[in-house]
Amino acid sequence: MQERSERTRRRLVHAGAEMFHRNGYANATLGEIAAAAGVTKGALYFHFASKDELAEAVQQRGCALLHDAVRTLRQDGVSPLQALIDITHWLAWTLHEEPAIPASFRITKECGQPAPRGCTPTRPAVVDFHRAWISAVSTLLRLARDAGEFPAAGRRWESAQALVAAAACGIETMSATGMSYAELQGKVAALWALLLPSLVAVGREREYQTEADFTGAQAVRIGW
């Protein structure tokens, strides 16, 4: 019984992610989400008392996927900078293949901003996926700096950190334009090809893999 209940909950979170991503938080209805999950509204309310709770569960899944991917890369012995490059490619992929990731970004943007004049204010975001993403990027940047991977940044460390963080956020913005994964993948690779020479010692940029190379078992290990 417990396993069946957990499966139903997972279906609801997945369906909720798809609807929030497709229609936005305000326009997604619990009836549509229940129908997409193949359950009754009563079953939905058994697991989630409100749309707020379901949206929070979607963002929690997005954060869990992100943290698991970073942890797996680090456990595999990947250097912090390579892990940062890899996690930006992971983001590009999951924005197309895992609805909890784009839905988490959209929920944060729609629920974390003041409502326009004359509109009902949206609820404050309980889970802030933007903050979780920037935190993951910043942590990997600091680890790479502490490991000596950024000697070229030197005194310009804060500028380099801000540039990389802004570029990482831009991946989601580009994906939201409807850009295909193949094009987005190429732009992420081009981004790192441009950034690396200004961050690492002369000639060492060739030591890093700037293009996505995650297939099969490796893709499964980091949650793809």
Protein backbone atom coordinates (compact mmCIF):
# COMPACT_ATOMS: atom_id res chain seq x y z
CA MET A 1 0.00 0.00 0.00
CA GLN A 2 2.79 2.41 0.92
CA GLU A 3 4.65 1.69 -2.33
CA ARG A 4 1.48 2.30 -4.33
CA SER A 5 0.91 5.58 -2.50
CA GLU A 6 4.47 6.67 -3.24
CA ARG A 7 4.05 5.86 -6.93
CA THR A 8 0.89 7.96 -7.03
CA ARG A 9 2.71 10.84 -5.36
CA ARG A 10 5.54 10.65 -7.88
CA ARG A 11 3.03 10.68 -10.77
CA LEU A 12 1.37 13.76 -9.30
CA VAL A 13 4.68 15.59 -8.89
CA HIS A 14 5.65 14.73 -12.47
CA ALA A 15 2.26 15.79 -13.84
CA GLY A 16 2.38 18.96 -11.75
CA ALA A 17 5.83 19.77 -13.10
CA GLU A 18 4.63 19.34 -16.68
CA MET A 19 1.59 21.56 -16.13
CA PHE A 20 3.46 24.27 -14.21
CA HIS A 21 6.13 24.32 -16.91
CA ARG A 22 3.61 24.40 -19.75
CA ASN A 23 0.91 26.69 -18.33
CA GLY A 24 2.53 28.53 -15.43
CA TYR A 25 1.65 28.37 -11.75
CA ALA A 26 -1.46 30.58 -11.95
CA ASN A 27 -3.01 28.83 -14.96
CA ALA A 28 -2.31 25.22 -13.99
CA THR A 29 -5.34 23.63 -12.32
CA LEU A 30 -5.42 20.75 -9.89
CA GLY A 31 -8.09 19.07 -12.00
CA GLU A 32 -5.82 19.06 -15.04
CA ILE A 33 -2.90 17.81 -12.98
CA ALA A 34 -4.94 14.98 -11.47
CA ALA A 35 -6.19 13.97 -14.93
CA ALA A 36 -2.66 14.03 -16.36
CA ALA A 37 -1.49 11.83 -13.49
CA GLY A 38 -4.40 9.43 -14.03
CA VAL A 39 -5.85 9.88 -10.54
CA THR A 40 -8.92 11.50 -9.00
CA LYS A 41 -8.86 14.94 -7.39
CA GLY A 42 -9.55 13.16 -4.11
CA ALA A 43 -6.35 11.17 -4.53
CA LEU A 44 -4.47 14.40 -5.29
CA TYR A 45 -5.80 16.05 -2.12
CA PHE A 46 -4.75 13.01 -0.12
CA HIS A 47 -1.14 13.83 -1.01
CA PHE A 48 -1.28 17.62 -1.41
CA ALA A 49 -3.67 19.90 0.42
CA SER A 50 -3.22 22.73 -2.10
CA LYS A 51 -1.57 23.81 -5.32
CA ASP A 52 1.04 25.57 -3.18
CA GLU A 53 2.06 22.27 -1.60
CA LEU A 54 2.32 20.56 -4.97
CA ALA A 55 4.39 23.41 -6.41
CA GLU A 56 6.72 23.17 -3.43
CA ALA A 57 7.08 19.41 -3.99
CA VAL A 58 7.98 20.05 -7.63
CA GLN A 59 10.69 22.51 -6.61
CA GLN A 60 11.98 20.13 -3.95
CA ARG A 61 12.35 17.48 -6.65
CA GLY A 62 14.20 19.95 -8.87
CA CYS A 63 16.59 20.81 -6.02
CA ALA A 64 17.10 17.13 -5.17
CA LEU A 65 18.00 16.33 -8.79
CA LEU A 66 20.46 19.21 -8.87
CA HIS A 67 22.13 18.27 -5.59
CA ASP A 68 22.32 14.60 -6.57
CA ALA A 69 23.95 15.48 -9.89
CA VAL A 70 26.59 17.67 -8.24
CA ARG A 71 27.29 15.08 -5.55
CA THR A 72 27.63 12.27 -8.10
CA LEU A 73 30.05 14.25 -10.24
CA ARG A 74 32.21 15.03 -7.22
CA GLN A 75 32.09 11.41 -6.02
CA ASP A 76 33.28 10.32 -9.47
CA GLY A 77 36.46 12.31 -8.88
CA VAL A 78 35.71 15.09 -11.36
CA SER A 79 37.59 18.31 -10.58
CA PRO A 80 35.43 21.20 -9.30
CA LEU A 81 35.81 23.19 -12.52
CA GLN A 82 35.01 20.20 -14.73
CA ALA A 83 32.03 19.47 -12.48
CA LEU A 84 30.86 23.05 -12.99
CA ILE A 85 31.14 22.69 -16.76
CA ASP A 86 29.34 19.35 -16.59
CA ILE A 87 26.54 20.67 -14.40
CA THR A 88 25.79 23.47 -16.85
CA HIS A 89 25.44 20.84 -19.58
CA TRP A 90 23.27 18.83 -17.18
CA LEU A 91 21.05 21.88 -16.79
CA ALA A 92 20.77 22.32 -20.57
CA TRP A 93 19.70 18.69 -20.91
CA THR A 94 17.25 18.59 -18.02
CA LEU A 95 15.58 21.83 -19.13
CA HIS A 96 14.42 19.79 -22.14
CA GLU A 97 14.05 16.32 -20.62
CA GLU A 98 13.04 16.68 -16.95
CA PRO A 99 9.96 18.91 -16.40
CA ALA A 100 10.75 19.48 -12.71
CA ILE A 101 13.74 21.64 -13.68
CA PRO A 102 12.08 24.22 -15.99
CA ALA A 103 8.96 24.09 -13.80
CA SER A 104 11.06 24.91 -10.72
CA PHE A 105 12.53 27.95 -12.46
CA ARG A 106 9.10 29.10 -13.60
CA ILE A 107 7.44 28.63 -10.21
CA THR A 108 10.21 30.62 -8.54
CA LYS A 109 9.88 33.47 -11.03
CA GLU A 110 6.08 33.60 -10.93
CA CYS A 111 5.61 33.11 -7.20
CA GLY A 112 8.61 35.03 -5.95
CA GLN A 113 7.92 38.35 -7.66
CA PRO A 114 5.47 41.12 -6.68
CA ALA A 115 2.20 40.98 -8.60
CA PRO A 116 1.46 43.74 -11.14
CA ARG A 117 -0.83 46.54 -9.95
CA GLY A 118 -4.42 45.39 -9.77
CA CYS A 119 -3.54 41.71 -9.61
CA THR A 120 -3.79 39.37 -6.65
CA PRO A 121 -0.32 38.91 -5.13
CA THR A 122 1.20 35.50 -5.68
CA ARG A 123 2.37 33.44 -2.75
CA PRO A 124 6.02 33.79 -1.73
CA ALA A 125 8.17 30.94 -3.04
CA VAL A 126 8.94 28.50 -0.23
CA VAL A 127 11.68 26.83 -2.27
CA ASP A 128 13.76 29.16 -4.44
CA PHE A 129 15.24 27.11 -7.27
CA HIS A 130 17.10 30.12 -8.68
CA ARG A 131 18.89 30.46 -5.36
CA ALA A 132 19.63 26.71 -5.27
CA TRP A 133 21.13 26.85 -8.77
CA ILE A 134 23.29 29.90 -8.02
CA SER A 135 24.39 28.30 -4.75
CA ALA A 136 25.52 25.14 -6.57
CA VAL A 137 27.41 27.18 -9.17
CA SER A 138 29.03 29.39 -6.52
CA THR A 139 30.06 26.40 -4.41
CA LEU A 140 31.77 24.70 -7.36
CA LEU A 141 33.47 27.99 -8.27
CA ARG A 142 34.87 28.37 -4.75
CA LEU A 143 36.03 24.75 -4.71
CA ALA A 144 37.77 25.25 -8.05
CA ARG A 145 39.45 28.41 -6.76
CA ASP A 146 40.59 26.68 -3.57
CA ALA A 147 41.94 23.78 -5.66
CA GLY A 148 44.09 26.21 -7.64
CA GLU A 149 42.19 25.85 -10.90
CA PHE A 150 41.71 29.61 -11.37
CA PRO A 151 45.16 31.23 -11.25
CA ALA A 152 44.37 33.40 -14.26
CA ALA A 153 41.48 35.07 -12.44
CA GLY A 154 43.85 36.44 -9.81
CA ARG A 155 42.64 39.68 -8.29
CA ARG A 156 39.72 39.66 -10.69
CA TRP A 157 38.15 36.76 -8.81
CA GLU A 158 34.93 38.56 -7.88
CA SER A 159 34.43 39.71 -11.48
CA ALA A 160 35.12 36.21 -12.77
CA GLN A 161 32.70 34.74 -10.24
CA ALA A 162 29.95 37.19 -11.23
CA LEU A 163 30.52 36.52 -14.93
CA VAL A 164 30.34 32.74 -14.61
CA ALA A 165 27.25 32.93 -12.37
CA ALA A 166 25.48 35.25 -14.82
CA ALA A 167 26.39 33.00 -17.75
CA ALA A 168 25.05 29.95 -15.89
CA CYS A 169 21.73 31.73 -15.29
CA GLY A 170 21.55 32.61 -18.97
CA ILE A 171 21.25 28.94 -19.90
CA GLU A 172 17.71 28.81 -18.51
CA THR A 173 16.82 32.06 -20.29
CA MET A 174 18.02 30.72 -23.63
CA SER A 175 16.09 27.48 -23.13
CA ALA A 176 12.91 29.43 -22.36
CA THR A 177 13.02 30.95 -25.87
CA GLY A 178 12.24 27.53 -27.32
CA MET A 179 15.79 26.83 -28.42
CA SER A 180 16.40 23.17 -29.30
CA TYR A 181 18.63 21.08 -27.06
CA ALA A 182 21.21 20.66 -29.83
CA GLU A 183 21.51 24.42 -30.23
CA LEU A 184 21.56 25.03 -26.49
CA GLN A 185 24.22 22.35 -26.03
CA GLY A 186 26.38 24.06 -28.65
CA LYS A 187 25.97 27.46 -26.99
CA VAL A 188 26.96 26.08 -23.58
CA ALA A 189 30.09 24.51 -25.11
CA ALA A 190 30.92 27.78 -26.90
CA LEU A 191 30.41 29.69 -23.67
CA TRP A 192 33.00 27.59 -21.85
CA ALA A 193 35.42 27.73 -24.75
CA LEU A 194 35.31 31.52 -24.38
CA LEU A 195 35.43 31.64 -20.56
CA LEU A 196 38.12 29.06 -19.80
CA PRO A 197 41.14 30.96 -21.19
CA SER A 198 40.35 33.88 -18.86
CA LEU A 199 40.07 31.60 -15.82
CA VAL A 200 42.78 28.95 -16.01
CA ALA A 201 46.52 29.10 -16.62
CA VAL A 202 47.68 29.59 -20.20
CA GLY A 203 47.27 26.41 -22.21
CA ARG A 204 45.41 24.48 -19.49
CA GLU A 205 41.99 25.07 -21.03
CA ARG A 206 42.71 22.05 -23.23
CA GLU A 207 42.57 19.85 -20.12
CA TYR A 208 38.83 20.42 -19.76
CA GLN A 209 35.96 18.86 -21.69
CA THR A 210 33.73 21.74 -22.74
CA GLU A 211 31.16 19.76 -24.71
CA ALA A 212 28.48 17.48 -23.29
CA ASP A 213 29.60 13.85 -23.22
CA PHE A 214 27.04 12.17 -21.00
CA THR A 215 25.37 9.08 -22.39
CA GLY A 216 24.27 5.67 -21.17
CA ALA A 217 25.33 4.63 -17.68
CA GLN A 218 27.06 7.93 -16.92
CA ALA A 219 23.90 9.82 -17.76
CA VAL A 220 21.92 7.60 -15.38
CA ARG A 221 24.45 8.15 -12.58
CA ILE A 222 23.94 11.90 -12.55
CA GLY A 223 20.18 11.71 -12.88
CA TRP A 224 19.64 12.12 -16.62
